[in-house]
Amino acid sequence: MSNGNMNLTLKVWRQKDAKTPGKMVTYKAENISPDMSFLEMLDVVNESLTLKGEEPIYFDHDCREGICGMCSLYINGRPHGPKRAITTCQLHMRSFHDGQTITIEPWRAAAFPVVKDLAVDRSAFDRIQQAGGYVSINTGGVPDANEIPIPKVIADEAFNSATCIQCGACVAACKNASAMLFVGAKITQFALLPQGQTERWSRVQSMVAQMDKEGFGNCTNTGACEAECPKEITLMNIGRMNNDFFNAKFFKEEKAHEGVE
């Protein structure tokens, strides 16, 4: 277009609720500035739908700063769209071109049932967190900086794991809808620190059991989760989780042989 703005065709998944069959519906997104975020573009489309008396497209959002993990959209076959290491709200329309067709879908996983249109219920992640993703023992007040010395490489790894925002892109990217990258990150952030050692073995068993209960698939090491994670959480977290899980089983069997409950 002469003013630099774009006209786009959107193919959007519309679904009333988890029990109602959904379908793709085509919309026009007109006069879209390349400087808009993807969610701002959807706001413009929804405004035009509202003015025409049609129901706007339902999608999740909150902070719009790449922090909350709410903006879970599957865009042209990729979680959060064509750019790496960003969330949907950080994706700008300059990543697309005039006349392009954009397909927008919700996360596709049995453990993430559709709430409406593009929004899914990710409370399964909350239940996994509640199963053990915390430190419940009294660790005292804030210690002096040098009281519990933690090597920088360990502190950095724990922090990197803790940056997971529970967006679910790892599940959406995985052909098996596995949640192991998310669970591995939430286990690792405590397993590396001294404050997390007391509950280390019970934590991994409880969280993995809850993950299985929620119906997520198994990991087959394709690496799609790592490639699509907006916070670049690495597969190393899955390895640490598996290592802790097998160690926890070993220690439990060892105590049983010793007659220790």
Protein backbone atom coordinates (compact mmCIF):
# COMPACT_ATOMS: atom_id res chain seq x y z
CA MET A 1 0.00 0.00 0.00
CA SER A 2 1.17 3.55 -0.70
CA ASN A 3 1.14 4.58 2.98
CA GLY A 4 3.23 1.57 3.99
CA ASN A 5 0.32 -0.18 5.72
CA MET A 6 -0.83 -3.69 4.87
CA ASN A 7 -3.98 -5.53 3.96
CA LEU A 8 -3.99 -9.11 5.23
CA THR A 9 -6.21 -12.17 5.14
CA LEU A 10 -6.68 -13.93 8.47
CA LYS A 11 -7.84 -17.51 8.82
CA VAL A 12 -8.87 -17.74 12.47
CA TRP A 13 -10.02 -20.74 14.50
CA ARG A 14 -13.45 -20.00 16.02
CA GLN A 15 -14.86 -22.35 18.68
CA LYS A 16 -17.58 -21.63 21.22
CA ASP A 17 -16.18 -23.94 23.91
CA ALA A 18 -14.31 -27.22 24.43
CA LYS A 19 -17.39 -29.33 23.68
CA THR A 20 -18.48 -27.51 20.53
CA PRO A 21 -16.81 -28.27 17.18
CA GLY A 22 -14.79 -25.37 15.83
CA LYS A 23 -13.92 -24.16 12.33
CA MET A 24 -11.65 -21.77 10.47
CA VAL A 25 -13.23 -18.42 9.60
CA THR A 26 -11.71 -15.92 7.16
CA TYR A 27 -11.42 -12.21 8.02
CA LYS A 28 -9.82 -9.19 6.40
CA ALA A 29 -7.34 -7.11 8.37
CA GLU A 30 -7.08 -3.80 6.54
CA ASN A 31 -4.78 -0.79 6.81
CA ILE A 32 -2.52 -2.52 9.34
CA SER A 33 0.60 -0.63 10.36
CA PRO A 34 3.82 -2.68 10.30
CA ASP A 35 4.65 -1.13 13.68
CA MET A 36 1.64 -2.74 15.36
CA SER A 37 2.13 -5.78 17.55
CA PHE A 38 0.27 -8.92 16.52
CA LEU A 39 -2.20 -8.44 19.37
CA GLU A 40 -2.80 -4.81 18.39
CA MET A 41 -3.64 -6.07 14.89
CA LEU A 42 -6.20 -8.43 16.43
CA ASP A 43 -7.58 -5.51 18.45
CA VAL A 44 -8.15 -3.60 15.19
CA VAL A 45 -9.91 -6.59 13.64
CA ASN A 46 -12.06 -7.05 16.73
CA GLU A 47 -13.03 -3.39 16.69
CA SER A 48 -14.23 -3.72 13.10
CA LEU A 49 -16.16 -6.90 13.98
CA THR A 50 -17.82 -5.17 16.92
CA LEU A 51 -18.86 -2.21 14.76
CA LYS A 52 -20.50 -4.67 12.34
CA GLY A 53 -22.37 -6.36 15.19
CA GLU A 54 -20.30 -9.55 15.01
CA GLU A 55 -18.72 -11.36 17.94
CA PRO A 56 -15.05 -10.43 18.38
CA ILE A 57 -12.27 -13.03 18.33
CA TYR A 58 -11.53 -14.32 21.82
CA PHE A 59 -7.83 -14.52 22.69
CA ASP A 60 -5.73 -14.42 25.86
CA HIS A 61 -3.51 -11.50 26.83
CA ASP A 62 -2.42 -9.62 29.92
CA CYS A 63 0.93 -7.86 30.28
CA ARG A 64 1.75 -7.52 26.55
CA GLU A 65 5.40 -7.28 27.57
CA GLY A 66 6.55 -10.89 27.13
CA ILE A 67 6.29 -11.64 30.83
CA CYS A 68 2.97 -13.30 31.64
CA GLY A 69 2.85 -16.05 28.98
CA MET A 70 -0.85 -15.52 28.27
CA CYS A 71 -0.63 -14.73 24.54
CA SER A 72 -0.58 -18.34 23.40
CA LEU A 73 -1.25 -18.29 19.65
CA TYR A 74 -0.23 -20.76 16.95
CA ILE A 75 0.63 -18.56 13.95
CA ASN A 76 1.28 -20.02 10.50
CA GLY A 77 2.24 -23.35 12.02
CA ARG A 78 4.51 -22.05 14.80
CA PRO A 79 3.89 -21.18 18.46
CA HIS A 80 4.13 -17.38 18.88
CA GLY A 81 4.80 -16.92 15.15
CA PRO A 82 7.83 -16.81 12.85
CA LYS A 83 10.38 -15.15 15.14
CA ARG A 84 12.50 -16.95 17.73
CA ALA A 85 12.70 -16.15 21.45
CA ILE A 86 9.65 -13.89 21.61
CA THR A 87 6.03 -14.18 22.70
CA THR A 88 3.08 -13.30 20.46
CA CYS A 89 2.71 -9.86 22.05
CA GLN A 90 6.33 -9.10 21.10
CA LEU A 91 5.74 -10.08 17.46
CA HIS A 92 5.28 -7.09 15.16
CA MET A 93 3.40 -6.95 11.90
CA ARG A 94 6.57 -5.97 10.01
CA SER A 95 7.35 -9.70 10.19
CA PHE A 96 4.59 -10.16 7.57
CA HIS A 97 3.97 -8.59 4.17
CA ASP A 98 1.09 -6.93 2.35
CA GLY A 99 -1.42 -9.41 0.95
CA GLN A 100 -0.21 -12.29 3.12
CA THR A 101 -2.57 -14.90 4.55
CA ILE A 102 -2.03 -15.61 8.24
CA THR A 103 -3.48 -18.71 9.91
CA ILE A 104 -4.14 -18.34 13.65
CA GLU A 105 -4.99 -21.28 15.90
CA PRO A 106 -5.03 -22.13 19.61
CA TRP A 107 -2.60 -24.56 21.25
CA ARG A 108 -3.53 -28.12 20.21
CA ALA A 109 -3.23 -30.47 23.19
CA ALA A 110 -5.69 -32.67 25.06
CA ALA A 111 -4.35 -31.27 28.34
CA PHE A 112 -5.08 -27.71 27.09
CA PRO A 113 -8.82 -27.75 26.29
CA VAL A 114 -10.17 -24.80 24.33
CA VAL A 115 -11.97 -22.20 26.45
CA LYS A 116 -13.14 -20.19 23.46
CA ASP A 117 -11.70 -19.45 20.02
CA LEU A 118 -7.95 -18.97 20.50
CA ALA A 119 -7.84 -19.24 24.31
CA VAL A 120 -7.07 -22.54 26.04
CA ASP A 121 -7.20 -23.68 29.65
CA ARG A 122 -3.60 -24.04 30.84
CA SER A 123 -4.49 -24.72 34.48
CA ALA A 124 -2.83 -28.15 34.09
CA PHE A 125 0.46 -26.27 34.45
CA ASP A 126 -0.78 -24.71 37.69
CA ARG A 127 -1.64 -28.12 39.11
CA ILE A 128 1.82 -29.43 38.24
CA GLN A 129 3.31 -26.44 40.03
CA GLN A 130 1.10 -27.06 43.05
CA ALA A 131 2.27 -30.68 43.15
CA GLY A 132 5.80 -29.64 44.11
CA GLY A 133 7.11 -26.55 42.36
CA TYR A 134 7.95 -24.69 45.55
CA VAL A 135 10.05 -24.80 48.71
CA SER A 136 7.79 -25.39 51.73
CA ILE A 137 10.41 -25.62 54.46
CA ASN A 138 11.43 -22.62 56.52
CA THR A 139 14.68 -21.36 55.01
CA GLY A 140 14.93 -18.43 57.42
CA GLY A 141 15.25 -14.77 56.61
CA VAL A 142 17.16 -13.23 53.75
CA PRO A 143 20.76 -14.44 54.21
CA ASP A 144 23.86 -12.35 53.89
CA ALA A 145 25.18 -12.42 50.34
CA ASN A 146 28.18 -14.54 51.31
CA GLU A 147 26.46 -16.79 53.86
CA ILE A 148 25.41 -19.44 51.32
CA PRO A 149 28.01 -19.21 48.56
CA ILE A 150 26.62 -20.46 45.24
CA PRO A 151 28.94 -20.59 42.21
CA LYS A 152 27.89 -18.11 39.54
CA VAL A 153 27.52 -20.80 36.89
CA ILE A 154 25.04 -22.66 39.14
CA ALA A 155 23.14 -19.47 40.05
CA ASP A 156 22.91 -18.52 36.37
CA GLU A 157 21.59 -21.96 35.40
CA ALA A 158 18.97 -21.86 38.16
CA PHE A 159 17.90 -18.38 37.05
CA ASN A 160 17.72 -19.40 33.39
CA SER A 161 15.39 -22.27 34.32
CA ALA A 162 13.28 -19.96 36.47
CA THR A 163 12.63 -17.64 33.51
CA CYS A 164 10.01 -20.09 32.17
CA ILE A 165 6.70 -18.18 31.90
CA GLN A 166 4.38 -21.21 31.58
CA CYS A 167 3.14 -20.11 28.16
CA GLY A 168 2.83 -23.67 26.85
CA ALA A 169 4.73 -23.12 23.59
CA CYS A 170 6.78 -26.25 24.36
CA VAL A 171 3.60 -28.32 24.48
CA ALA A 172 2.24 -26.71 21.31
CA ALA A 173 5.49 -27.33 19.42
CA CYS A 174 5.84 -30.97 20.45
CA LYS A 175 4.29 -33.63 18.21
CA ASN A 176 3.47 -35.56 21.40
CA ALA A 177 2.18 -32.52 23.35
CA SER A 178 4.85 -33.19 25.97
CA ALA A 179 5.24 -30.81 28.93
CA MET A 180 8.66 -32.08 29.94
CA LEU A 181 10.54 -28.86 29.11
CA PHE A 182 8.21 -26.86 31.36
CA VAL A 183 8.31 -29.42 34.18
CA GLY A 184 12.06 -29.87 33.82
CA ALA A 185 12.63 -26.13 34.13
CA LYS A 186 10.43 -25.83 37.22
CA ILE A 187 12.22 -28.77 38.87
CA THR A 188 15.71 -27.61 37.89
CA GLN A 189 15.37 -24.10 39.30
CA PHE A 190 15.17 -25.61 42.80
CA ALA A 191 17.31 -28.73 42.28
CA LEU A 192 20.39 -26.60 41.63
CA LEU A 193 20.08 -24.50 44.80
CA PRO A 194 20.76 -25.51 48.44
CA GLN A 195 17.30 -24.33 49.52
CA GLY A 196 15.71 -26.88 47.21
CA GLN A 197 17.60 -29.97 48.38
CA THR A 198 15.38 -31.04 51.30
CA GLU A 199 12.39 -31.74 49.02
CA ARG A 200 14.37 -32.52 45.89
CA TRP A 201 13.40 -36.19 45.50
CA SER A 202 9.77 -35.84 46.56
CA ARG A 203 9.40 -32.79 44.31
CA VAL A 204 10.43 -34.51 41.10
CA GLN A 205 8.26 -37.56 41.78
CA SER A 206 5.20 -35.48 42.61
CA MET A 207 5.50 -33.14 39.65
CA VAL A 208 6.18 -35.89 37.12
CA ALA A 209 3.24 -37.89 38.48
CA GLN A 210 0.96 -34.87 38.10
CA MET A 211 2.26 -34.23 34.59
CA ASP A 212 1.34 -37.79 33.62
CA LYS A 213 -2.03 -37.48 35.32
CA GLU A 214 -2.83 -34.35 33.27
CA GLY A 215 -2.43 -36.32 30.04
CA PHE A 216 0.63 -34.71 28.48
CA GLY A 217 2.57 -36.85 26.02
CA ASN A 218 6.05 -38.33 26.28
CA CYS A 219 9.28 -36.69 25.15
CA THR A 220 10.97 -38.19 22.09
CA ASN A 221 13.82 -35.66 21.95
CA THR A 222 12.91 -33.88 18.72
CA GLY A 223 14.01 -30.56 20.23
CA ALA A 224 10.98 -28.64 18.94
CA CYS A 225 10.21 -27.41 22.46
CA GLU A 226 13.64 -25.82 22.88
CA ALA A 227 13.47 -24.26 19.40
CA GLU A 228 10.12 -22.56 20.06
CA CYS A 229 10.54 -21.56 23.73
CA PRO A 230 10.32 -17.74 23.98
CA LYS A 231 12.71 -17.78 26.94
CA GLU A 232 15.13 -20.23 25.28
CA ILE A 233 14.85 -22.86 28.02
CA THR A 234 17.21 -25.69 27.02
CA LEU A 235 16.77 -29.45 26.76
CA MET A 236 19.34 -29.76 29.56
CA ASN A 237 16.43 -29.20 31.96
CA ILE A 238 14.74 -32.39 30.74
CA GLY A 239 17.97 -34.29 31.28
CA ARG A 240 18.28 -33.01 34.84
CA MET A 241 14.65 -33.90 35.56
CA ASN A 242 15.11 -37.45 34.25
CA ASN A 243 18.31 -37.85 36.25
CA ASP A 244 16.60 -36.68 39.46
CA PHE A 245 13.57 -38.86 38.78
CA PHE A 246 15.63 -42.03 38.48
CA ASN A 247 17.77 -41.07 41.47
CA ALA A 248 14.63 -40.51 43.54
CA LYS A 249 13.38 -43.99 42.61
CA PHE A 250 16.76 -45.48 43.54
CA PHE A 251 16.89 -43.75 46.91
CA LYS A 252 13.32 -44.82 47.66
CA GLU A 253 14.12 -48.47 46.89
CA GLU A 254 17.37 -48.25 48.88
CA LYS A 255 15.52 -46.99 51.96
CA ALA A 256 12.89 -49.69 51.56
CA HIS A 257 15.62 -52.37 51.63
CA GLU A 258 17.01 -50.78 54.77
CA GLY A 259 13.60 -50.80 56.41
CA VAL A 260 13.44 -47.01 56.44
CA GLU A 261 10.16 -45.33 55.56
